[in-house]
Amino acid sequence: MRATILTHFILLLICSQGCVEPVDPSARLNAQLLPPTPLPANVSISNLNCWSEQGQFFITGICVNESNTWQKIWLQAEPMDKDGKPLKIQTFGSVVLPTFSSAVPPKGRTAFFAGWPLSDFKLAPDSCRVRGAGAIQVPAGPILLVEQISGVKMLAPQQAGQPATEEIAWQINAVLNNPMPLPAAHPRLELLLFGTDNRLWFSTSLNPEDQQTKQMLSLEKEGPMQPGEKRQVGVYAFYEQLPAVLKAKKIGRVEMLAFEDR
């Protein structure tokens, strides 16, 4: 399980980048992230958090689809300095990033997480404004629910022979539910970790079909979910692979979201 969280965190450190010129669409770096003619993305952003560590600037948060249609959504992030002035990343004024879910129902939620090297900024970024960059309409499908979420602290002794007092991880268990009369061919999970300060410090998407992830997750059953099916799922969150701020503050609560990958 340690490898699962570590792998996602390292990939986000290295790969979660896509820069765009905010005025001229043809000048956007990684323009393939957006379709040629995207729809306006009617979204709201909650639990937005920004911080710097390990030479990187990170952002994470939750995106709500405020439209009346099922959508795949991309966001635009605009980093700012401590005075609230926009900052460029390299030569670009904003960044396009995807949300985890590839099909968000109306009023549905999905998370995002991205990071960029501090060396890409002339000044240290302090905050970030996030809004909708674009969307495409996708067919309606199953709405997966995560229920009965519980988290148990895992303790270990600081030294051999001592009582187990050091919090080293959380063991998280939940029930994945497909309540609609539609099968879910490719169920996915989103793990959101909040600190004891109630701020979101880490989020990641977990793919049970990935061989490494499948070995690390605790799954009652694999494969597509049938209409009305429920299954137990579990995952471990070890502090040694989480952001430094979360290590210091410790996990206060956990959320899990789910979606069908398209």
C-alpha atoms as a PDB file:
ATOM      1  CA  MET A   1       0.000   0.000   0.000  1.00  0.00           C
ATOM      2  CA  ARG A   2       2.877   2.367   0.682  1.00  0.00           C
ATOM      3  CA  ALA A   3       3.890   2.150  -2.966  1.00  0.00           C
ATOM      4  CA  THR A   4       0.431   3.235  -4.135  1.00  0.00           C
ATOM      5  CA  ILE A   5       0.386   6.591  -2.353  1.00  0.00           C
ATOM      6  CA  LEU A   6       4.086   7.148  -3.057  1.00  0.00           C
ATOM      7  CA  THR A   7       3.690   6.448  -6.766  1.00  0.00           C
ATOM      8  CA  HIS A   8       0.804   8.889  -7.155  1.00  0.00           C
ATOM      9  CA  PHE A   9       2.603  11.616  -5.200  1.00  0.00           C
ATOM     10  CA  ILE A  10       5.808  11.258  -7.271  1.00  0.00           C
ATOM     11  CA  LEU A  11       3.858  11.285 -10.532  1.00  0.00           C
ATOM     12  CA  LEU A  12       2.072  14.449  -9.446  1.00  0.00           C
ATOM     13  CA  LEU A  13       5.395  16.068  -8.563  1.00  0.00           C
ATOM     14  CA  ILE A  14       6.731  15.354 -12.034  1.00  0.00           C
ATOM     15  CA  CYS A  15       3.839  15.185 -14.456  1.00  0.00           C
ATOM     16  CA  SER A  16       0.884  17.326 -13.338  1.00  0.00           C
ATOM     17  CA  GLN A  17       1.817  20.294 -15.537  1.00  0.00           C
ATOM     18  CA  GLY A  18       0.214  22.038 -18.471  1.00  0.00           C
ATOM     19  CA  CYS A  19       0.745  25.731 -19.222  1.00  0.00           C
ATOM     20  CA  VAL A  20      -1.455  27.978 -21.339  1.00  0.00           C
ATOM     21  CA  GLU A  21      -1.363  31.543 -22.647  1.00  0.00           C
ATOM     22  CA  PRO A  22      -4.549  33.111 -21.261  1.00  0.00           C
ATOM     23  CA  VAL A  23      -5.327  35.290 -24.304  1.00  0.00           C
ATOM     24  CA  ASP A  24      -4.333  33.450 -27.461  1.00  0.00           C
ATOM     25  CA  PRO A  25      -5.632  29.851 -27.497  1.00  0.00           C
ATOM     26  CA  SER A  26      -3.171  28.890 -30.251  1.00  0.00           C
ATOM     27  CA  ALA A  27      -0.254  29.763 -27.937  1.00  0.00           C
ATOM     28  CA  ARG A  28      -1.280  27.318 -25.236  1.00  0.00           C
ATOM     29  CA  LEU A  29       1.326  24.801 -24.166  1.00  0.00           C
ATOM     30  CA  ASN A  30      -0.184  21.294 -23.946  1.00  0.00           C
ATOM     31  CA  ALA A  31      -3.213  22.547 -25.847  1.00  0.00           C
ATOM     32  CA  GLN A  32      -4.236  18.908 -26.378  1.00  0.00           C
ATOM     33  CA  LEU A  33      -5.558  18.919 -22.826  1.00  0.00           C
ATOM     34  CA  LEU A  34      -8.531  20.918 -24.112  1.00  0.00           C
ATOM     35  CA  PRO A  35     -10.739  19.873 -27.043  1.00  0.00           C
ATOM     36  CA  PRO A  36     -10.712  22.138 -30.145  1.00  0.00           C
ATOM     37  CA  THR A  37     -14.070  23.738 -29.296  1.00  0.00           C
ATOM     38  CA  PRO A  38     -14.725  23.275 -25.572  1.00  0.00           C
ATOM     39  CA  LEU A  39     -17.930  24.261 -23.860  1.00  0.00           C
ATOM     40  CA  PRO A  40     -17.777  26.848 -21.078  1.00  0.00           C
ATOM     41  CA  ALA A  41     -17.059  25.115 -17.774  1.00  0.00           C
ATOM     42  CA  ASN A  42     -19.695  26.186 -15.254  1.00  0.00           C
ATOM     43  CA  VAL A  43     -18.034  25.103 -12.031  1.00  0.00           C
ATOM     44  CA  SER A  44     -17.484  26.129  -8.434  1.00  0.00           C
ATOM     45  CA  ILE A  45     -14.308  25.394  -6.500  1.00  0.00           C
ATOM     46  CA  SER A  46     -14.194  24.476  -2.819  1.00  0.00           C
ATOM     47  CA  ASN A  47     -11.489  23.472  -0.338  1.00  0.00           C
ATOM     48  CA  LEU A  48      -8.827  25.111  -2.506  1.00  0.00           C
ATOM     49  CA  ASN A  49      -5.390  24.886  -0.896  1.00  0.00           C
ATOM     50  CA  CYS A  50      -1.940  26.003  -2.089  1.00  0.00           C
ATOM     51  CA  TRP A  51       1.515  25.484  -0.569  1.00  0.00           C
ATOM     52  CA  SER A  52       5.201  25.008  -1.397  1.00  0.00           C
ATOM     53  CA  GLU A  53       7.535  22.185  -0.401  1.00  0.00           C
ATOM     54  CA  GLN A  54      10.354  20.094  -1.891  1.00  0.00           C
ATOM     55  CA  GLY A  55      11.002  22.816  -4.476  1.00  0.00           C
ATOM     56  CA  GLN A  56       7.445  22.572  -5.813  1.00  0.00           C
ATOM     57  CA  PHE A  57       4.280  24.681  -5.685  1.00  0.00           C
ATOM     58  CA  PHE A  58       1.180  22.549  -5.167  1.00  0.00           C
ATOM     59  CA  ILE A  59      -2.554  23.140  -5.462  1.00  0.00           C
ATOM     60  CA  THR A  60      -5.478  20.876  -4.671  1.00  0.00           C
ATOM     61  CA  GLY A  61      -9.205  21.298  -4.280  1.00  0.00           C
ATOM     62  CA  ILE A  62     -12.671  20.073  -5.199  1.00  0.00           C
ATOM     63  CA  CYS A  63     -14.550  21.003  -8.378  1.00  0.00           C
ATOM     64  CA  VAL A  64     -18.368  20.984  -8.517  1.00  0.00           C
ATOM     65  CA  ASN A  65     -20.118  20.690 -11.888  1.00  0.00           C
ATOM     66  CA  GLU A  66     -22.736  23.458 -11.734  1.00  0.00           C
ATOM     67  CA  SER A  67     -24.123  22.719 -15.201  1.00  0.00           C
ATOM     68  CA  ASN A  68     -27.217  20.636 -15.929  1.00  0.00           C
ATOM     69  CA  THR A  69     -25.325  18.110 -18.059  1.00  0.00           C
ATOM     70  CA  TRP A  70     -22.738  15.378 -17.547  1.00  0.00           C
ATOM     71  CA  GLN A  71     -19.298  16.796 -18.375  1.00  0.00           C
ATOM     72  CA  LYS A  72     -15.601  16.144 -18.560  1.00  0.00           C
ATOM     73  CA  ILE A  73     -14.019  19.269 -17.057  1.00  0.00           C
ATOM     74  CA  TRP A  74     -10.712  21.095 -17.306  1.00  0.00           C
ATOM     75  CA  LEU A  75      -9.671  23.884 -14.970  1.00  0.00           C
ATOM     76  CA  GLN A  76      -7.505  26.964 -15.329  1.00  0.00           C
ATOM     77  CA  ALA A  77      -5.175  27.905 -12.478  1.00  0.00           C
ATOM     78  CA  GLU A  78      -3.631  31.369 -12.134  1.00  0.00           C
ATOM     79  CA  PRO A  79      -0.824  31.523  -9.526  1.00  0.00           C
ATOM     80  CA  MET A  80      -0.401  34.761  -7.553  1.00  0.00           C
ATOM     81  CA  ASP A  81       2.273  36.278  -5.333  1.00  0.00           C
ATOM     82  CA  LYS A  82       1.835  37.335  -1.689  1.00  0.00           C
ATOM     83  CA  ASP A  83       0.307  40.643  -2.828  1.00  0.00           C
ATOM     84  CA  GLY A  84      -2.318  38.917  -4.954  1.00  0.00           C
ATOM     85  CA  LYS A  85      -0.639  39.836  -8.243  1.00  0.00           C
ATOM     86  CA  PRO A  86      -0.617  37.276 -11.079  1.00  0.00           C
ATOM     87  CA  LEU A  87       2.579  35.307 -11.619  1.00  0.00           C
ATOM     88  CA  LYS A  88       3.770  33.700 -14.820  1.00  0.00           C
ATOM     89  CA  ILE A  89       4.911  30.097 -14.991  1.00  0.00           C
ATOM     90  CA  GLN A  90       7.858  30.291 -17.360  1.00  0.00           C
ATOM     91  CA  THR A  91       6.285  32.590 -19.973  1.00  0.00           C
ATOM     92  CA  PHE A  92       2.675  31.559 -19.444  1.00  0.00           C
ATOM     93  CA  GLY A  93       0.092  33.333 -17.340  1.00  0.00           C
ATOM     94  CA  SER A  94      -2.136  30.390 -16.453  1.00  0.00           C
ATOM     95  CA  VAL A  95      -2.232  26.614 -16.327  1.00  0.00           C
ATOM     96  CA  VAL A  96      -4.751  24.091 -17.624  1.00  0.00           C
ATOM     97  CA  LEU A  97      -5.243  20.960 -15.548  1.00  0.00           C
ATOM     98  CA  PRO A  98      -7.760  18.117 -15.653  1.00  0.00           C
ATOM     99  CA  THR A  99      -9.995  17.009 -12.835  1.00  0.00           C
ATOM    100  CA  PHE A 100      -9.744  13.377 -11.767  1.00  0.00           C
ATOM    101  CA  SER A 101     -13.176  12.314 -13.002  1.00  0.00           C
ATOM    102  CA  SER A 102     -13.748  11.918 -16.729  1.00  0.00           C
ATOM    103  CA  ALA A 103     -17.544  12.145 -16.344  1.00  0.00           C
ATOM    104  CA  VAL A 104     -18.980  14.449 -13.680  1.00  0.00           C
ATOM    105  CA  PRO A 105     -22.778  14.450 -13.242  1.00  0.00           C
ATOM    106  CA  PRO A 106     -24.744  17.668 -12.625  1.00  0.00           C
ATOM    107  CA  LYS A 107     -23.876  18.968  -9.141  1.00  0.00           C
ATOM    108  CA  GLY A 108     -21.318  16.160  -8.906  1.00  0.00           C
ATOM    109  CA  ARG A 109     -17.889  16.596  -7.323  1.00  0.00           C
ATOM    110  CA  THR A 110     -14.369  15.633  -8.356  1.00  0.00           C
ATOM    111  CA  ALA A 111     -10.965  16.624  -7.023  1.00  0.00           C
ATOM    112  CA  PHE A 112      -7.752  17.906  -8.616  1.00  0.00           C
ATOM    113  CA  PHE A 113      -4.090  18.038  -7.633  1.00  0.00           C
ATOM    114  CA  ALA A 114      -1.180  19.637  -9.484  1.00  0.00           C
ATOM    115  CA  GLY A 115       2.339  20.898  -8.864  1.00  0.00           C
ATOM    116  CA  TRP A 116       5.047  22.909 -10.624  1.00  0.00           C
ATOM    117  CA  PRO A 117       8.742  23.573  -9.886  1.00  0.00           C
ATOM    118  CA  LEU A 118       9.385  26.790  -7.986  1.00  0.00           C
ATOM    119  CA  SER A 119      12.151  27.457 -10.521  1.00  0.00           C
ATOM    120  CA  ASP A 120       9.401  28.125 -13.104  1.00  0.00           C
ATOM    121  CA  PHE A 121       8.395  31.272 -11.180  1.00  0.00           C
ATOM    122  CA  LYS A 122      10.314  34.547 -10.921  1.00  0.00           C
ATOM    123  CA  LEU A 123       8.804  35.154  -7.472  1.00  0.00           C
ATOM    124  CA  ALA A 124       7.578  32.661  -4.900  1.00  0.00           C
ATOM    125  CA  PRO A 125       3.880  31.863  -5.492  1.00  0.00           C
ATOM    126  CA  ASP A 126       1.636  32.369  -2.491  1.00  0.00           C
ATOM    127  CA  SER A 127      -1.865  31.540  -3.684  1.00  0.00           C
ATOM    128  CA  CYS A 128      -3.779  30.500  -6.781  1.00  0.00           C
ATOM    129  CA  ARG A 129      -7.068  31.361  -8.458  1.00  0.00           C
ATOM    130  CA  VAL A 130      -8.853  28.403 -10.088  1.00  0.00           C
ATOM    131  CA  ARG A 131     -11.793  28.560 -12.497  1.00  0.00           C
ATOM    132  CA  GLY A 132     -13.271  26.551 -15.349  1.00  0.00           C
ATOM    133  CA  ALA A 133     -11.166  26.341 -18.499  1.00  0.00           C
ATOM    134  CA  GLY A 134     -13.504  24.266 -20.638  1.00  0.00           C
ATOM    135  CA  ALA A 135     -15.638  21.141 -20.768  1.00  0.00           C
ATOM    136  CA  ILE A 136     -17.193  18.617 -23.104  1.00  0.00           C
ATOM    137  CA  GLN A 137     -20.585  17.017 -22.663  1.00  0.00           C
ATOM    138  CA  VAL A 138     -20.498  13.261 -22.075  1.00  0.00           C
ATOM    139  CA  PRO A 139     -23.325  10.702 -21.940  1.00  0.00           C
ATOM    140  CA  ALA A 140     -25.056  10.126 -18.632  1.00  0.00           C
ATOM    141  CA  GLY A 141     -23.941   7.059 -16.740  1.00  0.00           C
ATOM    142  CA  PRO A 142     -23.900   5.417 -13.337  1.00  0.00           C
ATOM    143  CA  ILE A 143     -23.414   7.583 -10.263  1.00  0.00           C
ATOM    144  CA  LEU A 144     -21.121   5.784  -7.831  1.00  0.00           C
ATOM    145  CA  LEU A 145     -21.387   6.555  -4.125  1.00  0.00           C
ATOM    146  CA  VAL A 146     -18.854   6.000  -1.355  1.00  0.00           C
ATOM    147  CA  GLU A 147     -20.544   5.174   1.936  1.00  0.00           C
ATOM    148  CA  GLN A 148     -19.614   4.190   5.490  1.00  0.00           C
ATOM    149  CA  ILE A 149     -16.179   5.799   5.312  1.00  0.00           C
ATOM    150  CA  SER A 150     -14.050   5.105   8.373  1.00  0.00           C
ATOM    151  CA  GLY A 151     -10.455   5.845   9.239  1.00  0.00           C
ATOM    152  CA  VAL A 152      -8.324   4.171  11.888  1.00  0.00           C
ATOM    153  CA  LYS A 153      -5.008   5.595  13.058  1.00  0.00           C
ATOM    154  CA  MET A 154      -2.084   3.177  12.863  1.00  0.00           C
ATOM    155  CA  LEU A 155       0.483   3.569  15.657  1.00  0.00           C
ATOM    156  CA  ALA A 156       4.028   2.272  15.998  1.00  0.00           C
ATOM    157  CA  PRO A 157       6.721   2.565  18.705  1.00  0.00           C
ATOM    158  CA  GLN A 158       9.315   5.275  18.171  1.00  0.00           C
ATOM    159  CA  GLN A 159      11.942   2.832  19.390  1.00  0.00           C
ATOM    160  CA  ALA A 160      11.963  -0.932  19.788  1.00  0.00           C
ATOM    161  CA  GLY A 161      10.456  -2.052  23.053  1.00  0.00           C
ATOM    162  CA  GLN A 162       8.496   1.148  23.629  1.00  0.00           C
ATOM    163  CA  PRO A 163       4.696   1.506  23.517  1.00  0.00           C
ATOM    164  CA  ALA A 164       3.122   2.235  20.130  1.00  0.00           C
ATOM    165  CA  THR A 165       2.531   5.986  20.321  1.00  0.00           C
ATOM    166  CA  GLU A 166       3.719   7.366  16.951  1.00  0.00           C
ATOM    167  CA  GLU A 167       1.007   7.863  14.332  1.00  0.00           C
ATOM    168  CA  ILE A 168       2.459   6.464  11.096  1.00  0.00           C
ATOM    169  CA  ALA A 169      -0.597   5.963   8.854  1.00  0.00           C
ATOM    170  CA  TRP A 170      -4.354   5.780   8.500  1.00  0.00           C
ATOM    171  CA  GLN A 171      -6.232   2.668   7.464  1.00  0.00           C
ATOM    172  CA  ILE A 172      -9.270   3.804   5.474  1.00  0.00           C
ATOM    173  CA  ASN A 173     -12.274   1.595   4.721  1.00  0.00           C
ATOM    174  CA  ALA A 174     -15.480   2.327   2.838  1.00  0.00           C
ATOM    175  CA  VAL A 175     -18.329   0.795   0.853  1.00  0.00           C
ATOM    176  CA  LEU A 176     -18.522   1.540  -2.878  1.00  0.00           C
ATOM    177  CA  ASN A 177     -22.142   1.562  -4.034  1.00  0.00           C
ATOM    178  CA  ASN A 178     -23.624   1.524  -7.545  1.00  0.00           C
ATOM    179  CA  PRO A 179     -27.278   2.348  -6.717  1.00  0.00           C
ATOM    180  CA  MET A 180     -28.477   3.059 -10.269  1.00  0.00           C
ATOM    181  CA  PRO A 181     -29.852   0.503 -12.783  1.00  0.00           C
ATOM    182  CA  LEU A 182     -26.713   0.896 -14.928  1.00  0.00           C
ATOM    183  CA  PRO A 183     -23.483  -1.117 -14.840  1.00  0.00           C
ATOM    184  CA  ALA A 184     -20.218   0.707 -14.075  1.00  0.00           C
ATOM    185  CA  ALA A 185     -17.572  -0.764 -16.355  1.00  0.00           C
ATOM    186  CA  HIS A 186     -14.529   0.997 -14.905  1.00  0.00           C
ATOM    187  CA  PRO A 187     -15.050   2.159 -11.304  1.00  0.00           C
ATOM    188  CA  ARG A 188     -12.471   4.589  -9.926  1.00  0.00           C
ATOM    189  CA  LEU A 189     -11.850   6.100  -6.490  1.00  0.00           C
ATOM    190  CA  GLU A 190     -10.646   9.509  -5.333  1.00  0.00           C
ATOM    191  CA  LEU A 191      -8.887   9.784  -1.971  1.00  0.00           C
ATOM    192  CA  LEU A 192      -8.983  13.167  -0.188  1.00  0.00           C
ATOM    193  CA  LEU A 193      -6.976  13.758   2.992  1.00  0.00           C
ATOM    194  CA  PHE A 194      -7.779  16.705   5.256  1.00  0.00           C
ATOM    195  CA  GLY A 195      -5.497  17.866   8.048  1.00  0.00           C
ATOM    196  CA  THR A 196      -6.512  18.466  11.639  1.00  0.00           C
ATOM    197  CA  ASP A 197      -6.872  22.114  10.521  1.00  0.00           C
ATOM    198  CA  ASN A 198      -9.745  20.929   8.241  1.00  0.00           C
ATOM    199  CA  ARG A 199      -7.825  21.949   5.107  1.00  0.00           C
ATOM    200  CA  LEU A 200      -7.407  19.640   2.120  1.00  0.00           C
ATOM    201  CA  TRP A 201      -3.717  18.747   1.756  1.00  0.00           C
ATOM    202  CA  PHE A 202      -3.718  15.761  -0.565  1.00  0.00           C
ATOM    203  CA  SER A 203      -5.937  14.177  -3.201  1.00  0.00           C
ATOM    204  CA  THR A 204      -5.313  11.438  -5.717  1.00  0.00           C
ATOM    205  CA  SER A 205      -7.174   9.139  -8.084  1.00  0.00           C
ATOM    206  CA  LEU A 206      -6.922   5.369  -7.577  1.00  0.00           C
ATOM    207  CA  ASN A 207      -7.391   2.962 -10.480  1.00  0.00           C
ATOM    208  CA  PRO A 208      -8.269  -0.588  -9.319  1.00  0.00           C
ATOM    209  CA  GLU A 209      -7.446  -1.865 -12.830  1.00  0.00           C
ATOM    210  CA  ASP A 210      -3.829  -0.762 -12.540  1.00  0.00           C
ATOM    211  CA  GLN A 211      -1.757  -3.785 -11.554  1.00  0.00           C
ATOM    212  CA  GLN A 212       0.317  -2.015  -8.898  1.00  0.00           C
ATOM    213  CA  THR A 213      -2.666  -0.198  -7.435  1.00  0.00           C
ATOM    214  CA  LYS A 214      -4.779  -3.367  -7.503  1.00  0.00           C
ATOM    215  CA  GLN A 215      -2.193  -5.206  -5.454  1.00  0.00           C
ATOM    216  CA  MET A 216      -2.060  -2.452  -2.860  1.00  0.00           C
ATOM    217  CA  LEU A 217      -5.783  -1.733  -2.493  1.00  0.00           C
ATOM    218  CA  SER A 218      -7.978  -3.890  -0.319  1.00  0.00           C
ATOM    219  CA  LEU A 219     -10.795  -4.911  -2.678  1.00  0.00           C
ATOM    220  CA  GLU A 220     -13.693  -7.197  -1.905  1.00  0.00           C
ATOM    221  CA  LYS A 221     -14.195  -7.706  -5.636  1.00  0.00           C
ATOM    222  CA  GLU A 222     -12.588  -6.554  -8.870  1.00  0.00           C
ATOM    223  CA  GLY A 223     -13.962  -5.570 -12.250  1.00  0.00           C
ATOM    224  CA  PRO A 224     -17.192  -3.878 -13.388  1.00  0.00           C
ATOM    225  CA  MET A 225     -19.951  -3.138 -10.890  1.00  0.00           C
ATOM    226  CA  GLN A 226     -23.445  -4.379 -11.607  1.00  0.00           C
ATOM    227  CA  PRO A 227     -26.588  -2.301 -10.907  1.00  0.00           C
ATOM    228  CA  GLY A 228     -27.291  -2.222  -7.181  1.00  0.00           C
ATOM    229  CA  GLU A 229     -23.941  -3.785  -6.299  1.00  0.00           C
ATOM    230  CA  LYS A 230     -21.981  -2.800  -3.187  1.00  0.00           C
ATOM    231  CA  ARG A 231     -18.390  -3.744  -2.373  1.00  0.00           C
ATOM    232  CA  GLN A 232     -15.907  -3.119   0.410  1.00  0.00           C
ATOM    233  CA  VAL A 233     -12.776  -1.108  -0.426  1.00  0.00           C
ATOM    234  CA  GLY A 234      -9.771  -0.124   1.657  1.00  0.00           C
ATOM    235  CA  VAL A 235      -6.563   1.864   1.313  1.00  0.00           C
ATOM    236  CA  TYR A 236      -3.656   2.864   3.560  1.00  0.00           C
ATOM    237  CA  ALA A 237      -2.255   6.408   3.764  1.00  0.00           C
ATOM    238  CA  PHE A 238       1.293   6.322   5.165  1.00  0.00           C
ATOM    239  CA  TYR A 239       2.666   9.657   6.372  1.00  0.00           C
ATOM    240  CA  GLU A 240       6.150   8.988   5.003  1.00  0.00           C
ATOM    241  CA  GLN A 241       4.800   9.397   1.458  1.00  0.00           C
ATOM    242  CA  LEU A 242       2.482  12.369   2.118  1.00  0.00           C
ATOM    243  CA  PRO A 243       3.151  16.133   1.971  1.00  0.00           C
ATOM    244  CA  ALA A 244       5.311  17.466   4.802  1.00  0.00           C
ATOM    245  CA  VAL A 245       2.558  19.771   6.056  1.00  0.00           C
ATOM    246  CA  LEU A 246       0.203  16.836   6.464  1.00  0.00           C
ATOM    247  CA  LYS A 247       2.899  14.878   8.306  1.00  0.00           C
ATOM    248  CA  ALA A 248       3.191  17.722  10.812  1.00  0.00           C
ATOM    249  CA  LYS A 249      -0.517  18.482  11.205  1.00  0.00           C
ATOM    250  CA  LYS A 250      -1.685  14.861  10.885  1.00  0.00           C
ATOM    251  CA  ILE A 251      -4.806  13.632   9.136  1.00  0.00           C
ATOM    252  CA  GLY A 252      -8.022  14.928  10.656  1.00  0.00           C
ATOM    253  CA  ARG A 253     -10.578  13.382   8.337  1.00  0.00           C
ATOM    254  CA  VAL A 254     -10.857  11.514   5.056  1.00  0.00           C
ATOM    255  CA  GLU A 255     -13.249  11.698   2.110  1.00  0.00           C
ATOM    256  CA  MET A 256     -13.565   9.367  -0.846  1.00  0.00           C
ATOM    257  CA  LEU A 257     -15.303  10.088  -4.143  1.00  0.00           C
ATOM    258  CA  ALA A 258     -15.989   7.672  -6.979  1.00  0.00           C
ATOM    259  CA  PHE A 259     -16.713   7.759 -10.697  1.00  0.00           C
ATOM    260  CA  GLU A 260     -16.885   5.567 -13.781  1.00  0.00           C
ATOM    261  CA  ASP A 261     -13.906   6.147 -16.051  1.00  0.00           C
ATOM    262  CA  ARG A 262     -14.788   6.759 -19.699  1.00  0.00           C
END
